[in-house]
Amino acid sequence: MNENPAKNNFSVTILGSGTCVPSLARSAASVLVTIGDSHILLDAGPGTMHRLLEAGGSVFDITHLLFSHFHPDHTGELVPFLFANKYPDSSRRSRALVLGGGPGFSVFYEQLKGVFNEWIDGAGLLQIFEFKDKNSSITNDDLSVCTMAVNHRPESIAFRITAPNGTSMVYSGDTDVCENLIALSQNTDLLICESAFPDAMKQPGHLSPSLAGDIAARANVKKLVLTHFYPECDASDIFQQCRKTYAGPLILARDLLTIKLDN
């Protein structure tokens, strides 16, 4: 275990709590996780870099950029993010950027590079990582990242990030009801779970508040944050809908919300 207290600083900031629907209040999906010297972006939908600046961060701070799946509301700022890393030159980046996603991510990146060429070429400062199965993981002195497949797209994965002291968080990405998400989330300190539509408007491939709450309850999570809200959620009492199934600490995400997980 790392004994340096600074290394156990663990915070999670919601950069985007919204969807593909343009909104001044909610940027598209993105979560910033900071543990020690590692700064992980989970998804980077439109508006991510603006929110990152508002949160006091920089594209050069990000050590890992990881995607739950390839839909544009989760990947829309990948190209601008990589392009921004080249200005004024890539020497401002002190360590390589780990860029990753689920099965097929390497092909996804190469296809983008076929369009944008050197504008998004990492010039040796990119490490492409593909989470191909449940045994694929990323580990360094600050953290470990493991994933499991979830029920949305063929490449869809959820992430569990664990600090050296055992504190953990899970990010669902987009998913429908999924036993894998329950397994991945067991006893986690924080589950950030999509809850795209109210209970009465449940859509295939997405969760509703009571379904997200049921997953959290079955996984015995210590705190649940609902996120990825379509506008219909703003006209419904999604907090109380989640309370049908989950009695623990519950937060509705908003852009720039920060949660500390330090022990």
Protein backbone atom coordinates (compact mmCIF):
# COMPACT_ATOMS: atom_id res chain seq x y z
CA MET A 1 0.00 0.00 0.00
CA ASN A 2 1.23 3.47 -0.77
CA GLU A 3 1.93 5.28 2.53
CA ASN A 4 2.05 8.80 1.10
CA PRO A 5 -1.24 10.49 2.20
CA ALA A 6 -1.24 12.68 -0.91
CA LYS A 7 -1.39 9.57 -3.02
CA ASN A 8 -4.71 8.64 -1.42
CA ASN A 9 -6.45 11.89 -2.38
CA PHE A 10 -9.50 10.59 -4.21
CA SER A 11 -12.07 12.92 -5.73
CA VAL A 12 -14.71 12.56 -8.41
CA THR A 13 -16.09 15.53 -10.37
CA ILE A 14 -19.08 15.31 -12.69
CA LEU A 15 -18.06 17.33 -15.74
CA GLY A 16 -21.13 16.41 -17.76
CA SER A 17 -24.43 15.14 -16.34
CA GLY A 18 -26.40 15.38 -19.58
CA THR A 19 -26.82 13.66 -22.92
CA CYS A 20 -26.81 14.39 -26.64
CA VAL A 21 -29.51 17.05 -26.07
CA PRO A 22 -27.86 20.52 -26.03
CA SER A 23 -28.20 22.21 -22.66
CA LEU A 24 -26.65 25.22 -20.96
CA ALA A 25 -26.95 23.45 -17.61
CA ARG A 26 -25.74 19.98 -18.52
CA SER A 27 -22.81 19.07 -20.74
CA ALA A 28 -22.70 15.61 -22.29
CA ALA A 29 -21.30 12.65 -20.38
CA SER A 30 -17.93 13.02 -18.65
CA VAL A 31 -16.51 12.27 -15.20
CA LEU A 32 -13.12 13.36 -13.83
CA VAL A 33 -11.49 11.05 -11.28
CA THR A 34 -8.39 12.25 -9.42
CA ILE A 35 -6.24 9.92 -7.31
CA GLY A 36 -2.76 11.11 -6.36
CA ASP A 37 -0.96 12.12 -9.53
CA SER A 38 -3.45 10.38 -11.84
CA HIS A 39 -6.30 12.30 -13.47
CA ILE A 40 -8.74 10.07 -15.34
CA LEU A 41 -11.46 11.25 -17.70
CA LEU A 42 -14.24 8.73 -18.09
CA ASP A 43 -15.97 9.67 -21.35
CA ALA A 44 -15.61 13.04 -23.07
CA GLY A 45 -18.85 14.22 -24.61
CA PRO A 46 -19.35 17.71 -26.05
CA GLY A 47 -18.55 20.38 -23.47
CA THR A 48 -16.01 18.33 -21.54
CA MET A 49 -12.98 20.60 -22.02
CA HIS A 50 -14.97 23.70 -21.08
CA ARG A 51 -16.13 22.04 -17.87
CA LEU A 52 -12.60 20.77 -17.20
CA LEU A 53 -11.33 24.36 -17.31
CA GLU A 54 -14.15 25.46 -15.00
CA ALA A 55 -13.10 22.73 -12.58
CA GLY A 56 -9.56 24.14 -12.56
CA GLY A 57 -8.02 21.47 -14.78
CA SER A 58 -6.19 21.34 -18.09
CA VAL A 59 -6.02 18.87 -20.95
CA PHE A 60 -2.33 18.45 -20.10
CA ASP A 61 -3.22 17.24 -16.59
CA ILE A 62 -5.21 14.26 -17.86
CA THR A 63 -3.29 11.01 -17.57
CA HIS A 64 -6.02 8.62 -18.76
CA LEU A 65 -8.90 9.19 -21.20
CA LEU A 66 -11.17 6.14 -21.12
CA PHE A 67 -14.45 5.58 -22.96
CA SER A 68 -17.43 3.49 -21.91
CA HIS A 69 -18.61 3.19 -25.55
CA PHE A 70 -18.38 5.02 -28.86
CA HIS A 71 -21.61 7.05 -29.08
CA PRO A 72 -20.93 10.73 -29.90
CA ASP A 73 -22.36 12.05 -26.62
CA HIS A 74 -19.55 10.10 -24.89
CA THR A 75 -16.71 10.50 -27.43
CA GLY A 76 -17.50 13.82 -29.14
CA GLU A 77 -14.52 15.69 -27.68
CA LEU A 78 -11.91 12.99 -28.29
CA VAL A 79 -10.70 14.62 -31.51
CA PRO A 80 -10.66 18.20 -30.10
CA PHE A 81 -8.99 16.93 -26.93
CA LEU A 82 -6.14 15.27 -28.82
CA PHE A 83 -5.78 18.30 -31.09
CA ALA A 84 -5.63 20.62 -28.06
CA ASN A 85 -2.78 18.53 -26.64
CA LYS A 86 -0.66 19.59 -29.62
CA TYR A 87 -0.91 23.33 -28.84
CA PRO A 88 1.52 25.01 -28.60
CA ASP A 89 3.43 21.71 -28.70
CA SER A 90 3.16 18.30 -27.11
CA SER A 91 6.15 18.95 -24.81
CA ARG A 92 3.72 20.44 -22.28
CA ARG A 93 2.56 16.90 -21.53
CA SER A 94 4.77 15.44 -18.80
CA ARG A 95 3.63 11.82 -19.24
CA ALA A 96 2.02 9.75 -21.93
CA LEU A 97 -1.76 9.83 -22.21
CA VAL A 98 -3.38 6.43 -21.78
CA LEU A 99 -6.24 6.35 -24.27
CA GLY A 100 -8.60 3.43 -24.04
CA GLY A 101 -11.99 1.81 -24.38
CA GLY A 102 -13.77 -1.47 -24.87
CA PRO A 103 -13.43 -4.06 -27.64
CA GLY A 104 -12.78 -2.38 -30.98
CA PHE A 105 -11.32 0.81 -29.53
CA SER A 106 -8.02 0.47 -31.40
CA VAL A 107 -9.89 0.28 -34.71
CA PHE A 108 -12.11 3.21 -33.67
CA TYR A 109 -9.03 5.36 -33.00
CA GLU A 110 -7.28 4.30 -36.22
CA GLN A 111 -10.39 5.20 -38.23
CA LEU A 112 -10.43 8.67 -36.65
CA LYS A 113 -6.73 9.04 -37.40
CA GLY A 114 -7.47 8.11 -41.00
CA VAL A 115 -9.64 11.22 -41.18
CA PHE A 116 -7.65 13.67 -39.02
CA ASN A 117 -4.13 12.30 -39.65
CA GLU A 118 -1.32 14.05 -37.76
CA TRP A 119 -3.77 16.42 -36.07
CA ILE A 120 -4.61 13.70 -33.54
CA ASP A 121 -1.46 11.59 -33.78
CA GLY A 122 0.10 11.35 -30.34
CA ALA A 123 3.66 11.44 -31.70
CA GLY A 124 4.80 8.86 -29.16
CA LEU A 125 2.84 10.40 -26.27
CA LEU A 126 -0.18 8.12 -26.60
CA GLN A 127 -0.63 4.64 -25.17
CA ILE A 128 -3.66 2.91 -26.72
CA PHE A 129 -5.30 0.38 -24.41
CA GLU A 130 -8.21 -1.89 -25.21
CA PHE A 131 -10.25 -3.54 -22.45
CA LYS A 132 -10.95 -6.77 -24.32
CA ASP A 133 -12.24 -8.92 -21.45
CA LYS A 134 -12.71 -8.93 -17.68
CA ASN A 135 -9.03 -9.75 -17.21
CA SER A 136 -7.91 -6.52 -18.92
CA SER A 137 -6.92 -3.88 -16.39
CA ILE A 138 -4.71 -0.83 -15.88
CA THR A 139 -2.61 -0.56 -12.73
CA ASN A 140 -0.09 1.99 -11.48
CA ASP A 141 1.07 3.35 -8.10
CA ASP A 142 -2.10 5.46 -7.75
CA LEU A 143 -4.87 3.15 -8.86
CA SER A 144 -6.20 0.10 -10.60
CA VAL A 145 -8.89 0.20 -13.29
CA CYS A 146 -10.94 -2.86 -14.17
CA THR A 147 -14.04 -3.21 -16.33
CA MET A 148 -16.95 -5.46 -17.14
CA ALA A 149 -19.21 -5.52 -20.19
CA VAL A 150 -22.62 -3.87 -19.79
CA ASN A 151 -25.86 -3.97 -21.75
CA HIS A 152 -25.90 -1.10 -24.24
CA ARG A 153 -23.55 -1.52 -27.22
CA PRO A 154 -21.19 -4.41 -28.15
CA GLU A 155 -18.21 -2.39 -26.92
CA SER A 156 -19.92 -1.01 -23.79
CA ILE A 157 -18.07 -1.34 -20.49
CA ALA A 158 -18.42 -0.06 -16.94
CA PHE A 159 -15.34 0.96 -14.93
CA ARG A 160 -14.26 0.28 -11.35
CA ILE A 161 -11.38 2.44 -10.13
CA THR A 162 -9.68 1.51 -6.87
CA ALA A 163 -7.14 3.52 -4.86
CA PRO A 164 -4.21 1.90 -3.01
CA ASN A 165 -6.11 2.11 0.29
CA GLY A 166 -9.03 0.12 -1.16
CA THR A 167 -11.44 3.02 -1.71
CA SER A 168 -13.30 2.53 -4.97
CA MET A 169 -15.81 4.03 -7.37
CA VAL A 170 -17.78 2.61 -10.29
CA TYR A 171 -18.97 4.40 -13.41
CA SER A 172 -21.72 2.58 -15.29
CA GLY A 173 -21.52 4.29 -18.68
CA ASP A 174 -24.77 3.64 -20.56
CA THR A 175 -26.51 0.37 -19.77
CA ASP A 176 -29.78 -1.42 -19.32
CA VAL A 177 -30.36 -3.77 -16.38
CA CYS A 178 -27.17 -5.78 -16.11
CA GLU A 179 -25.91 -8.41 -13.67
CA ASN A 180 -22.33 -7.47 -14.58
CA LEU A 181 -22.84 -3.96 -13.24
CA ILE A 182 -24.12 -5.38 -9.96
CA ALA A 183 -21.07 -7.66 -9.73
CA LEU A 184 -18.62 -4.87 -10.58
CA SER A 185 -20.24 -2.50 -8.07
CA GLN A 186 -20.26 -4.82 -5.06
CA ASN A 187 -19.52 -2.83 -1.87
CA THR A 188 -18.08 0.13 -3.78
CA ASP A 189 -17.88 3.48 -2.03
CA LEU A 190 -19.53 5.31 -4.93
CA LEU A 191 -21.60 4.24 -7.92
CA ILE A 192 -22.15 6.83 -10.65
CA CYS A 193 -25.03 5.30 -12.55
CA GLU A 194 -26.90 6.40 -15.62
CA SER A 195 -30.60 7.12 -15.14
CA ALA A 196 -31.53 8.49 -18.51
CA PHE A 197 -35.34 8.60 -18.31
CA PRO A 198 -38.05 8.62 -15.61
CA ASP A 199 -39.58 5.27 -14.65
CA ALA A 200 -42.66 5.80 -16.82
CA MET A 201 -40.49 6.50 -19.89
CA LYS A 202 -37.95 3.67 -19.59
CA GLN A 203 -36.05 3.20 -22.87
CA PRO A 204 -34.20 0.11 -24.17
CA GLY A 205 -30.49 0.26 -23.41
CA HIS A 206 -30.91 2.70 -20.52
CA LEU A 207 -31.89 2.66 -16.86
CA SER A 208 -34.58 4.52 -14.98
CA PRO A 209 -34.26 5.80 -11.38
CA SER A 210 -35.89 2.81 -9.67
CA LEU A 211 -33.85 0.35 -11.76
CA ALA A 212 -30.61 2.19 -10.95
CA GLY A 213 -31.60 2.16 -7.30
CA ASP A 214 -32.26 -1.57 -7.40
CA ILE A 215 -28.80 -2.18 -8.87
CA ALA A 216 -27.23 -0.03 -6.13
CA ALA A 217 -29.17 -1.83 -3.40
CA ARG A 218 -28.28 -5.28 -4.70
CA ALA A 219 -24.62 -4.27 -4.97
CA ASN A 220 -24.58 -2.78 -1.45
CA VAL A 221 -23.00 0.47 -2.65
CA LYS A 222 -22.25 3.10 -0.02
CA LYS A 223 -23.35 6.11 -2.10
CA LEU A 224 -25.28 6.42 -5.37
CA VAL A 225 -25.10 9.29 -7.87
CA LEU A 226 -27.64 9.30 -10.69
CA THR A 227 -26.54 10.98 -13.93
CA HIS A 228 -26.96 11.15 -17.74
CA PHE A 229 -30.31 12.92 -17.57
CA TYR A 230 -32.44 13.56 -20.64
CA PRO A 231 -34.65 16.68 -20.32
CA GLU A 232 -37.63 14.56 -19.33
CA CYS A 233 -35.91 13.89 -16.00
CA ASP A 234 -36.06 17.57 -15.07
CA ALA A 235 -39.85 17.42 -15.11
CA SER A 236 -40.04 14.32 -12.88
CA ASP A 237 -39.25 13.51 -9.27
CA ILE A 238 -36.49 11.08 -10.09
CA PHE A 239 -35.11 11.28 -6.55
CA GLN A 240 -38.28 9.76 -5.11
CA GLN A 241 -38.51 7.25 -7.94
CA CYS A 242 -35.05 5.99 -6.95
CA ARG A 243 -36.12 5.89 -3.30
CA LYS A 244 -38.55 3.08 -4.18
CA THR A 245 -35.59 0.73 -4.37
CA TYR A 246 -32.56 2.39 -2.73
CA ALA A 247 -32.45 3.77 0.82
CA GLY A 248 -28.79 4.80 1.03
CA PRO A 249 -27.08 8.15 0.38
CA LEU A 250 -28.37 9.47 -2.94
CA ILE A 251 -27.26 12.43 -5.06
CA LEU A 252 -28.60 13.74 -8.37
CA ALA A 253 -25.65 14.74 -10.56
CA ARG A 254 -25.08 18.26 -11.76
CA ASP A 255 -22.18 19.64 -13.75
CA LEU A 256 -19.13 20.47 -11.60
CA LEU A 257 -20.39 18.50 -8.59
CA THR A 258 -17.34 17.16 -6.71
CA ILE A 259 -17.39 14.23 -4.28
CA LYS A 260 -14.43 13.45 -2.00
CA LEU A 261 -13.71 9.80 -1.29
CA ASP A 262 -10.62 10.19 0.90
CA ASN A 263 -10.48 7.91 3.92
